[in-house]
Amino acid sequence: MGRWRRSLADGFWAVDRALGGRLPPTRLQKWVARHPVGAGLCAGAPFTLFFLALPSEGEPSDAFFAVLFGIVMGLVFGLTALAERFRQRRLARPGPGHRS
């Protein structure tokens, strides 16, 4: 089981390198990695407001589903930001003479 899991992880990181995963992160990627909760809030709040602003037929469950969907979207974006933090942690740090 350990070999299988390790080979799956090695395959994932090989695909990541092939897609440019070793490139230095942009300013936005650095901010997102430093603030995963803020990134989740910045993504979830507009979704919630958008779905609350949609016209409803007067059903009280519409507001519940709008808030629930906003929370789910914020959670998805926050977990993606956390994954970005872990990805940046694996990056090789250049030497002292390197400017990025």
C-alpha atoms as a PDB file:
ATOM      1  CA  MET A   1       0.000   0.000   0.000  1.00  0.00           C
ATOM      2  CA  GLY A   2       2.871   2.382   0.819  1.00  0.00           C
ATOM      3  CA  ARG A   3       4.503   1.931  -2.580  1.00  0.00           C
ATOM      4  CA  TRP A   4       1.237   2.500  -4.390  1.00  0.00           C
ATOM      5  CA  ARG A   5       0.549   5.717  -2.476  1.00  0.00           C
ATOM      6  CA  ARG A   6       4.118   6.938  -3.011  1.00  0.00           C
ATOM      7  CA  SER A   7       3.997   6.236  -6.757  1.00  0.00           C
ATOM      8  CA  LEU A   8       0.674   8.088  -6.992  1.00  0.00           C
ATOM      9  CA  ALA A   9       2.192  11.103  -5.223  1.00  0.00           C
ATOM     10  CA  ASP A  10       5.285  10.979  -7.434  1.00  0.00           C
ATOM     11  CA  GLY A  11       3.053  10.901 -10.512  1.00  0.00           C
ATOM     12  CA  PHE A  12       1.089  13.909  -9.253  1.00  0.00           C
ATOM     13  CA  TRP A  13       4.259  15.945  -8.688  1.00  0.00           C
ATOM     14  CA  ALA A  14       5.595  14.920 -12.121  1.00  0.00           C
ATOM     15  CA  VAL A  15       2.422  16.276 -13.749  1.00  0.00           C
ATOM     16  CA  ASP A  16       2.716  19.418 -11.600  1.00  0.00           C
ATOM     17  CA  ARG A  17       6.290  19.995 -12.808  1.00  0.00           C
ATOM     18  CA  ALA A  18       5.233  19.401 -16.430  1.00  0.00           C
ATOM     19  CA  LEU A  19       2.505  22.041 -16.098  1.00  0.00           C
ATOM     20  CA  GLY A  20       4.899  24.636 -14.698  1.00  0.00           C
ATOM     21  CA  GLY A  21       4.618  23.909 -10.984  1.00  0.00           C
ATOM     22  CA  ARG A  22       8.271  24.832 -10.419  1.00  0.00           C
ATOM     23  CA  LEU A  23       7.792  28.406 -11.618  1.00  0.00           C
ATOM     24  CA  PRO A  24       7.920  31.096  -8.934  1.00  0.00           C
ATOM     25  CA  PRO A  25       4.462  32.061  -7.681  1.00  0.00           C
ATOM     26  CA  THR A  26       2.825  35.320  -8.719  1.00  0.00           C
ATOM     27  CA  ARG A  27       1.868  38.026  -6.226  1.00  0.00           C
ATOM     28  CA  LEU A  28      -1.733  36.833  -6.183  1.00  0.00           C
ATOM     29  CA  GLN A  29      -0.676  33.226  -5.552  1.00  0.00           C
ATOM     30  CA  LYS A  30       1.536  34.366  -2.679  1.00  0.00           C
ATOM     31  CA  TRP A  31      -1.315  36.352  -1.120  1.00  0.00           C
ATOM     32  CA  VAL A  32      -3.743  33.464  -1.465  1.00  0.00           C
ATOM     33  CA  ALA A  33      -1.248  31.061   0.113  1.00  0.00           C
ATOM     34  CA  ARG A  34      -0.663  33.425   3.031  1.00  0.00           C
ATOM     35  CA  HIS A  35      -4.369  34.099   3.633  1.00  0.00           C
ATOM     36  CA  PRO A  36      -6.481  31.001   2.810  1.00  0.00           C
ATOM     37  CA  VAL A  37      -9.354  32.091   5.080  1.00  0.00           C
ATOM     38  CA  GLY A  38      -9.407  35.552   3.484  1.00  0.00           C
ATOM     39  CA  ALA A  39      -9.386  33.991   0.028  1.00  0.00           C
ATOM     40  CA  GLY A  40     -12.333  31.809   1.000  1.00  0.00           C
ATOM     41  CA  LEU A  41     -14.247  34.814   2.321  1.00  0.00           C
ATOM     42  CA  CYS A  42     -13.421  36.907  -0.752  1.00  0.00           C
ATOM     43  CA  ALA A  43     -14.801  34.128  -2.944  1.00  0.00           C
ATOM     44  CA  GLY A  44     -17.761  33.004  -0.841  1.00  0.00           C
ATOM     45  CA  ALA A  45     -19.219  36.390   0.059  1.00  0.00           C
ATOM     46  CA  PRO A  46     -19.931  37.516  -3.536  1.00  0.00           C
ATOM     47  CA  PHE A  47     -21.592  34.172  -4.306  1.00  0.00           C
ATOM     48  CA  THR A  48     -23.803  34.549  -1.248  1.00  0.00           C
ATOM     49  CA  LEU A  49     -24.756  38.125  -2.122  1.00  0.00           C
ATOM     50  CA  PHE A  50     -25.440  37.201  -5.729  1.00  0.00           C
ATOM     51  CA  PHE A  51     -27.794  34.377  -4.815  1.00  0.00           C
ATOM     52  CA  LEU A  52     -29.494  36.490  -2.169  1.00  0.00           C
ATOM     53  CA  ALA A  53     -30.080  39.205  -4.797  1.00  0.00           C
ATOM     54  CA  LEU A  54     -31.771  36.825  -7.235  1.00  0.00           C
ATOM     55  CA  PRO A  55     -35.532  37.236  -7.330  1.00  0.00           C
ATOM     56  CA  SER A  56     -37.347  34.582  -5.321  1.00  0.00           C
ATOM     57  CA  GLU A  57     -40.932  33.405  -5.212  1.00  0.00           C
ATOM     58  CA  GLY A  58     -41.174  34.130  -1.502  1.00  0.00           C
ATOM     59  CA  GLU A  59     -39.906  30.804  -0.259  1.00  0.00           C
ATOM     60  CA  PRO A  60     -37.992  31.126   3.000  1.00  0.00           C
ATOM     61  CA  SER A  61     -35.566  28.357   2.007  1.00  0.00           C
ATOM     62  CA  ASP A  62     -34.057  30.507  -0.767  1.00  0.00           C
ATOM     63  CA  ALA A  63     -32.004  32.535   1.699  1.00  0.00           C
ATOM     64  CA  PHE A  64     -30.857  29.358   3.444  1.00  0.00           C
ATOM     65  CA  PHE A  65     -29.651  27.821   0.191  1.00  0.00           C
ATOM     66  CA  ALA A  66     -27.940  31.072  -0.846  1.00  0.00           C
ATOM     67  CA  VAL A  67     -25.986  31.196   2.414  1.00  0.00           C
ATOM     68  CA  LEU A  68     -25.245  27.460   2.268  1.00  0.00           C
ATOM     69  CA  PHE A  69     -23.950  27.745  -1.302  1.00  0.00           C
ATOM     70  CA  GLY A  70     -21.771  30.722  -0.332  1.00  0.00           C
ATOM     71  CA  ILE A  71     -20.288  28.773   2.568  1.00  0.00           C
ATOM     72  CA  VAL A  72     -19.579  25.782   0.332  1.00  0.00           C
ATOM     73  CA  MET A  73     -17.925  27.978  -2.310  1.00  0.00           C
ATOM     74  CA  GLY A  74     -15.845  29.737   0.342  1.00  0.00           C
ATOM     75  CA  LEU A  75     -14.778  26.368   1.726  1.00  0.00           C
ATOM     76  CA  VAL A  76     -13.776  25.109  -1.725  1.00  0.00           C
ATOM     77  CA  PHE A  77     -11.736  28.245  -2.436  1.00  0.00           C
ATOM     78  CA  GLY A  78     -10.189  28.184   1.037  1.00  0.00           C
ATOM     79  CA  LEU A  79      -9.116  24.549   0.664  1.00  0.00           C
ATOM     80  CA  THR A  80      -7.694  25.338  -2.767  1.00  0.00           C
ATOM     81  CA  ALA A  81      -5.714  28.195  -1.185  1.00  0.00           C
ATOM     82  CA  LEU A  82      -4.456  25.805   1.474  1.00  0.00           C
ATOM     83  CA  ALA A  83      -3.337  23.392  -1.260  1.00  0.00           C
ATOM     84  CA  GLU A  84      -1.500  26.301  -2.918  1.00  0.00           C
ATOM     85  CA  ARG A  85       0.257  26.979   0.377  1.00  0.00           C
ATOM     86  CA  PHE A  86       1.447  23.363   0.508  1.00  0.00           C
ATOM     87  CA  ARG A  87       2.536  23.531  -3.145  1.00  0.00           C
ATOM     88  CA  GLN A  88       4.595  26.647  -2.503  1.00  0.00           C
ATOM     89  CA  ARG A  89       6.180  24.981   0.508  1.00  0.00           C
ATOM     90  CA  ARG A  90       7.581  22.287  -1.805  1.00  0.00           C
ATOM     91  CA  LEU A  91       9.182  24.781  -4.207  1.00  0.00           C
ATOM     92  CA  ALA A  92      12.961  24.888  -4.308  1.00  0.00           C
ATOM     93  CA  ARG A  93      14.243  28.166  -2.922  1.00  0.00           C
ATOM     94  CA  PRO A  94      16.822  29.892  -5.126  1.00  0.00           C
ATOM     95  CA  GLY A  95      20.159  31.022  -3.769  1.00  0.00           C
ATOM     96  CA  PRO A  96      20.911  34.468  -2.341  1.00  0.00           C
ATOM     97  CA  GLY A  97      21.958  35.898  -5.708  1.00  0.00           C
ATOM     98  CA  HIS A  98      18.680  35.015  -7.428  1.00  0.00           C
ATOM     99  CA  ARG A  99      16.178  37.817  -8.057  1.00  0.00           C
ATOM    100  CA  SER A 100      12.531  36.928  -8.600  1.00  0.00           C
END
